[in-house]
Amino acid sequence: MPFKIKEARKEKGFTQGELAKRANVSRATIIGLENGSITVTTTETLTKIAGALDKKVSDIFLA
């Protein structure tokens, strides 16, 4: 099951680059998590992305 990053990002009106900057992660990380090529990452990265989207980690990354 894909992560819900793209939906949450679009809801906020962010580009992939804007989200990456806000979360302090690479754009490649955002792209990989959105398209499913990255399925495992650190808790720190998940927390940063969720925080940048004003969401809980579980809302975006868990079924």
PDB file of N, CA and C in Angstrom:
ATOM      1  N   MET A   1       0.842  -1.189   0.000  1.00  0.00           N
ATOM      2  CA  MET A   1       0.000   0.000   0.000  1.00  0.00           C
ATOM      3  C   MET A   1       0.885   1.249   0.000  1.00  0.00           C
ATOM      4  N   PRO A   2       0.630   2.155  -0.928  1.00  0.00           N
ATOM      5  CA  PRO A   2       1.459   3.366  -0.978  1.00  0.00           C
ATOM      6  C   PRO A   2       1.195   4.296   0.205  1.00  0.00           C
ATOM      7  N   PHE A   3       2.210   5.055   0.530  1.00  0.00           N
ATOM      8  CA  PHE A   3       2.057   6.046   1.583  1.00  0.00           C
ATOM      9  C   PHE A   3       1.131   7.159   1.093  1.00  0.00           C
ATOM     10  N   LYS A   4       0.596   7.922   2.006  1.00  0.00           N
ATOM     11  CA  LYS A   4      -0.352   8.980   1.660  1.00  0.00           C
ATOM     12  C   LYS A   4       0.311  10.359   1.610  1.00  0.00           C
ATOM     13  N   ILE A   5       1.594  10.382   1.287  1.00  0.00           N
ATOM     14  CA  ILE A   5       2.319  11.650   1.266  1.00  0.00           C
ATOM     15  C   ILE A   5       1.794  12.559   0.165  1.00  0.00           C
ATOM     16  N   LYS A   6       1.625  12.017  -1.026  1.00  0.00           N
ATOM     17  CA  LYS A   6       1.217  12.847  -2.160  1.00  0.00           C
ATOM     18  C   LYS A   6      -0.117  13.539  -1.889  1.00  0.00           C
ATOM     19  N   GLU A   7      -1.073  12.791  -1.371  1.00  0.00           N
ATOM     20  CA  GLU A   7      -2.379  13.363  -1.081  1.00  0.00           C
ATOM     21  C   GLU A   7      -2.275  14.475  -0.036  1.00  0.00           C
ATOM     22  N   ALA A   8      -1.510  14.218   1.013  1.00  0.00           N
ATOM     23  CA  ALA A   8      -1.350  15.213   2.076  1.00  0.00           C
ATOM     24  C   ALA A   8      -0.587  16.432   1.559  1.00  0.00           C
ATOM     25  N   ARG A   9       0.396  16.197   0.713  1.00  0.00           N
ATOM     26  CA  ARG A   9       1.182  17.295   0.145  1.00  0.00           C
ATOM     27  C   ARG A   9       0.305  18.175  -0.740  1.00  0.00           C
ATOM     28  N   LYS A  10      -0.492  17.565  -1.589  1.00  0.00           N
ATOM     29  CA  LYS A  10      -1.359  18.327  -2.485  1.00  0.00           C
ATOM     30  C   LYS A  10      -2.430  19.079  -1.695  1.00  0.00           C
ATOM     31  N   GLU A  11      -2.904  18.460  -0.631  1.00  0.00           N
ATOM     32  CA  GLU A  11      -3.892  19.103   0.251  1.00  0.00           C
ATOM     33  C   GLU A  11      -3.329  20.420   0.807  1.00  0.00           C
ATOM     34  N   LYS A  12      -2.037  20.424   1.099  1.00  0.00           N
ATOM     35  CA  LYS A  12      -1.364  21.619   1.623  1.00  0.00           C
ATOM     36  C   LYS A  12      -0.948  22.583   0.509  1.00  0.00           C
ATOM     37  N   GLY A  13      -0.989  22.119  -0.736  1.00  0.00           N
ATOM     38  CA  GLY A  13      -0.576  22.955  -1.850  1.00  0.00           C
ATOM     39  C   GLY A  13       0.923  23.049  -2.030  1.00  0.00           C
ATOM     40  N   PHE A  14       1.657  22.061  -1.519  1.00  0.00           N
ATOM     41  CA  PHE A  14       3.117  22.055  -1.618  1.00  0.00           C
ATOM     42  C   PHE A  14       3.568  21.292  -2.859  1.00  0.00           C
ATOM     43  N   THR A  15       4.659  21.752  -3.462  1.00  0.00           N
ATOM     44  CA  THR A  15       5.343  20.939  -4.466  1.00  0.00           C
ATOM     45  C   THR A  15       6.216  19.939  -3.713  1.00  0.00           C
ATOM     46  N   GLN A  16       6.764  18.978  -4.441  1.00  0.00           N
ATOM     47  CA  GLN A  16       7.683  18.029  -3.812  1.00  0.00           C
ATOM     48  C   GLN A  16       8.884  18.769  -3.243  1.00  0.00           C
ATOM     49  N   GLY A  17       9.376  19.744  -3.976  1.00  0.00           N
ATOM     50  CA  GLY A  17      10.526  20.521  -3.515  1.00  0.00           C
ATOM     51  C   GLY A  17      10.225  21.319  -2.261  1.00  0.00           C
ATOM     52  N   GLU A  18       9.038  21.911  -2.206  1.00  0.00           N
ATOM     53  CA  GLU A  18       8.654  22.682  -1.017  1.00  0.00           C
ATOM     54  C   GLU A  18       8.544  21.784   0.202  1.00  0.00           C
ATOM     55  N   LEU A  19       7.929  20.621   0.021  1.00  0.00           N
ATOM     56  CA  LEU A  19       7.809  19.687   1.143  1.00  0.00           C
ATOM     57  C   LEU A  19       9.191  19.226   1.599  1.00  0.00           C
ATOM     58  N   ALA A  20      10.056  18.912   0.652  1.00  0.00           N
ATOM     59  CA  ALA A  20      11.406  18.473   1.001  1.00  0.00           C
ATOM     60  C   ALA A  20      12.124  19.542   1.818  1.00  0.00           C
ATOM     61  N   LYS A  21      12.008  20.790   1.398  1.00  0.00           N
ATOM     62  CA  LYS A  21      12.659  21.887   2.110  1.00  0.00           C
ATOM     63  C   LYS A  21      12.076  22.048   3.515  1.00  0.00           C
ATOM     64  N   ARG A  22      10.761  22.019   3.613  1.00  0.00           N
ATOM     65  CA  ARG A  22      10.101  22.175   4.922  1.00  0.00           C
ATOM     66  C   ARG A  22      10.444  21.031   5.876  1.00  0.00           C
ATOM     67  N   ALA A  23      10.588  19.821   5.314  1.00  0.00           N
ATOM     68  CA  ALA A  23      10.881  18.643   6.136  1.00  0.00           C
ATOM     69  C   ALA A  23      12.378  18.427   6.325  1.00  0.00           C
ATOM     70  N   ASN A  24      13.193  19.207   5.606  1.00  0.00           N
ATOM     71  CA  ASN A  24      14.644  19.060   5.671  1.00  0.00           C
ATOM     72  C   ASN A  24      15.092  17.654   5.261  1.00  0.00           C
ATOM     73  N   VAL A  25      14.501  17.188   4.156  1.00  0.00           N
ATOM     74  CA  VAL A  25      14.910  15.915   3.538  1.00  0.00           C
ATOM     75  C   VAL A  25      15.113  16.199   2.053  1.00  0.00           C
ATOM     76  N   SER A  26      15.682  15.258   1.335  1.00  0.00           N
ATOM     77  CA  SER A  26      15.917  15.482  -0.085  1.00  0.00           C
ATOM     78  C   SER A  26      14.623  15.314  -0.882  1.00  0.00           C
ATOM     79  N   ARG A  27      14.579  16.005  -2.020  1.00  0.00           N
ATOM     80  CA  ARG A  27      13.419  15.848  -2.910  1.00  0.00           C
ATOM     81  C   ARG A  27      13.353  14.403  -3.401  1.00  0.00           C
ATOM     82  N   ALA A  28      14.501  13.785  -3.599  1.00  0.00           N
ATOM     83  CA  ALA A  28      14.547  12.385  -4.032  1.00  0.00           C
ATOM     84  C   ALA A  28      13.853  11.477  -3.016  1.00  0.00           C
ATOM     85  N   THR A  29      13.988  11.801  -1.744  1.00  0.00           N
ATOM     86  CA  THR A  29      13.306  11.017  -0.703  1.00  0.00           C
ATOM     87  C   THR A  29      11.793  11.155  -0.847  1.00  0.00           C
ATOM     88  N   ILE A  30      11.324  12.377  -1.036  1.00  0.00           N
ATOM     89  CA  ILE A  30       9.884  12.609  -1.206  1.00  0.00           C
ATOM     90  C   ILE A  30       9.376  11.859  -2.433  1.00  0.00           C
ATOM     91  N   ILE A  31      10.088  11.991  -3.549  1.00  0.00           N
ATOM     92  CA  ILE A  31       9.686  11.311  -4.784  1.00  0.00           C
ATOM     93  C   ILE A  31       9.636   9.797  -4.576  1.00  0.00           C
ATOM     94  N   GLY A  32      10.676   9.247  -3.977  1.00  0.00           N
ATOM     95  CA  GLY A  32      10.741   7.798  -3.761  1.00  0.00           C
ATOM     96  C   GLY A  32       9.632   7.279  -2.862  1.00  0.00           C
ATOM     97  N   LEU A  33       9.325   8.034  -1.814  1.00  0.00           N
ATOM     98  CA  LEU A  33       8.251   7.616  -0.913  1.00  0.00           C
ATOM     99  C   LEU A  33       6.888   7.740  -1.598  1.00  0.00           C
ATOM    100  N   GLU A  34       6.734   8.766  -2.422  1.00  0.00           N
ATOM    101  CA  GLU A  34       5.462   8.936  -3.132  1.00  0.00           C
ATOM    102  C   GLU A  34       5.233   7.864  -4.187  1.00  0.00           C
ATOM    103  N   ASN A  35       6.286   7.507  -4.918  1.00  0.00           N
ATOM    104  CA  ASN A  35       6.080   6.553  -6.011  1.00  0.00           C
ATOM    105  C   ASN A  35       6.309   5.093  -5.602  1.00  0.00           C
ATOM    106  N   GLY A  36       6.707   4.881  -4.350  1.00  0.00           N
ATOM    107  CA  GLY A  36       6.856   3.518  -3.851  1.00  0.00           C
ATOM    108  C   GLY A  36       8.219   2.896  -4.069  1.00  0.00           C
ATOM    109  N   SER A  37       9.159   3.640  -4.681  1.00  0.00           N
ATOM    110  CA  SER A  37      10.489   3.061  -4.876  1.00  0.00           C
ATOM    111  C   SER A  37      11.276   3.027  -3.566  1.00  0.00           C
ATOM    112  N   ILE A  38      10.877   3.859  -2.606  1.00  0.00           N
ATOM    113  CA  ILE A  38      11.437   3.799  -1.248  1.00  0.00           C
ATOM    114  C   ILE A  38      10.309   3.316  -0.340  1.00  0.00           C
ATOM    115  N   THR A  39      10.526   2.194   0.309  1.00  0.00           N
ATOM    116  CA  THR A  39       9.500   1.650   1.201  1.00  0.00           C
ATOM    117  C   THR A  39       9.974   1.578   2.649  1.00  0.00           C
ATOM    118  N   VAL A  40      11.267   1.825   2.861  1.00  0.00           N
ATOM    119  CA  VAL A  40      11.826   1.788   4.205  1.00  0.00           C
ATOM    120  C   VAL A  40      12.663   3.049   4.401  1.00  0.00           C
ATOM    121  N   THR A  41      12.420   3.739   5.501  1.00  0.00           N
ATOM    122  CA  THR A  41      13.206   4.917   5.831  1.00  0.00           C
ATOM    123  C   THR A  41      13.252   5.053   7.345  1.00  0.00           C
ATOM    124  N   THR A  42      13.939   6.052   7.837  1.00  0.00           N
ATOM    125  CA  THR A  42      14.095   6.199   9.283  1.00  0.00           C
ATOM    126  C   THR A  42      12.865   6.828   9.920  1.00  0.00           C
ATOM    127  N   THR A  43      12.699   6.570  11.189  1.00  0.00           N
ATOM    128  CA  THR A  43      11.624   7.190  11.954  1.00  0.00           C
ATOM    129  C   THR A  43      11.785   8.703  11.934  1.00  0.00           C
ATOM    130  N   GLU A  44      13.023   9.169  11.971  1.00  0.00           N
ATOM    131  CA  GLU A  44      13.286  10.611  11.943  1.00  0.00           C
ATOM    132  C   GLU A  44      12.745  11.233  10.650  1.00  0.00           C
ATOM    133  N   THR A  45      12.985  10.585   9.520  1.00  0.00           N
ATOM    134  CA  THR A  45      12.499  11.096   8.236  1.00  0.00           C
ATOM    135  C   THR A  45      10.976  11.109   8.210  1.00  0.00           C
ATOM    136  N   LEU A  46      10.368  10.033   8.669  1.00  0.00           N
ATOM    137  CA  LEU A  46       8.899   9.966   8.710  1.00  0.00           C
ATOM    138  C   LEU A  46       8.333  11.086   9.578  1.00  0.00           C
ATOM    139  N   THR A  47       8.960  11.322  10.711  1.00  0.00           N
ATOM    140  CA  THR A  47       8.513  12.354  11.640  1.00  0.00           C
ATOM    141  C   THR A  47       8.653  13.744  11.026  1.00  0.00           C
ATOM    142  N   LYS A  48       9.759  13.990  10.346  1.00  0.00           N
ATOM    143  CA  LYS A  48       9.986  15.291   9.710  1.00  0.00           C
ATOM    144  C   LYS A  48       8.928  15.564   8.637  1.00  0.00           C
ATOM    145  N   ILE A  49       8.662  14.570   7.813  1.00  0.00           N
ATOM    146  CA  ILE A  49       7.684  14.748   6.729  1.00  0.00           C
ATOM    147  C   ILE A  49       6.289  14.956   7.300  1.00  0.00           C
ATOM    148  N   ALA A  50       5.909  14.131   8.260  1.00  0.00           N
ATOM    149  CA  ALA A  50       4.589  14.274   8.872  1.00  0.00           C
ATOM    150  C   ALA A  50       4.446  15.645   9.525  1.00  0.00           C
ATOM    151  N   GLY A  51       5.483  16.086  10.222  1.00  0.00           N
ATOM    152  CA  GLY A  51       5.444  17.399  10.872  1.00  0.00           C
ATOM    153  C   GLY A  51       5.289  18.526   9.872  1.00  0.00           C
ATOM    154  N   ALA A  52       5.991  18.436   8.746  1.00  0.00           N
ATOM    155  CA  ALA A  52       5.901  19.468   7.711  1.00  0.00           C
ATOM    156  C   ALA A  52       4.509  19.523   7.098  1.00  0.00           C
ATOM    157  N   LEU A  53       3.799  18.405   7.173  1.00  0.00           N
ATOM    158  CA  LEU A  53       2.441  18.335   6.628  1.00  0.00           C
ATOM    159  C   LEU A  53       1.365  18.542   7.696  1.00  0.00           C
ATOM    160  N   ASP A  54       1.788  18.820   8.931  1.00  0.00           N
ATOM    161  CA  ASP A  54       0.853  18.966  10.059  1.00  0.00           C
ATOM    162  C   ASP A  54      -0.032  17.736  10.233  1.00  0.00           C
ATOM    163  N   LYS A  55       0.594  16.577  10.090  1.00  0.00           N
ATOM    164  CA  LYS A  55      -0.117  15.302  10.237  1.00  0.00           C
ATOM    165  C   LYS A  55       0.620  14.432  11.241  1.00  0.00           C
ATOM    166  N   LYS A  56      -0.069  13.401  11.705  1.00  0.00           N
ATOM    167  CA  LYS A  56       0.579  12.371  12.524  1.00  0.00           C
ATOM    168  C   LYS A  56       1.251  11.373  11.577  1.00  0.00           C
ATOM    169  N   VAL A  57       2.341  10.796  12.031  1.00  0.00           N
ATOM    170  CA  VAL A  57       3.024   9.781  11.222  1.00  0.00           C
ATOM    171  C   VAL A  57       2.044   8.691  10.826  1.00  0.00           C
ATOM    172  N   SER A  58       1.211   8.269  11.746  1.00  0.00           N
ATOM    173  CA  SER A  58       0.264   7.180  11.460  1.00  0.00           C
ATOM    174  C   SER A  58      -0.750   7.550  10.379  1.00  0.00           C
ATOM    175  N   ASP A  59      -1.067   8.842  10.242  1.00  0.00           N
ATOM    176  CA  ASP A  59      -2.030   9.274   9.213  1.00  0.00           C
ATOM    177  C   ASP A  59      -1.464   9.104   7.817  1.00  0.00           C
ATOM    178  N   ILE A  60      -0.151   9.181   7.691  1.00  0.00           N
ATOM    179  CA  ILE A  60       0.476   9.161   6.368  1.00  0.00           C
ATOM    180  C   ILE A  60       1.116   7.820   6.046  1.00  0.00           C
ATOM    181  N   PHE A  61       1.730   7.190   7.038  1.00  0.00           N
ATOM    182  CA  PHE A  61       2.574   6.045   6.756  1.00  0.00           C
ATOM    183  C   PHE A  61       2.017   4.691   7.207  1.00  0.00           C
ATOM    184  N   LEU A  62       0.942   4.678   7.936  1.00  0.00           N
ATOM    185  CA  LEU A  62       0.394   3.407   8.405  1.00  0.00           C
ATOM    186  C   LEU A  62      -0.989   3.174   7.817  1.00  0.00           C
ATOM    187  N   ALA A  63      -1.298   1.919   7.637  1.00  0.00           N
ATOM    188  CA  ALA A  63      -2.603   1.548   7.045  1.00  0.00           C
ATOM    189  C   ALA A  63      -3.734   1.860   8.001  1.00  0.00           C
TER     190      ALA A  63
END
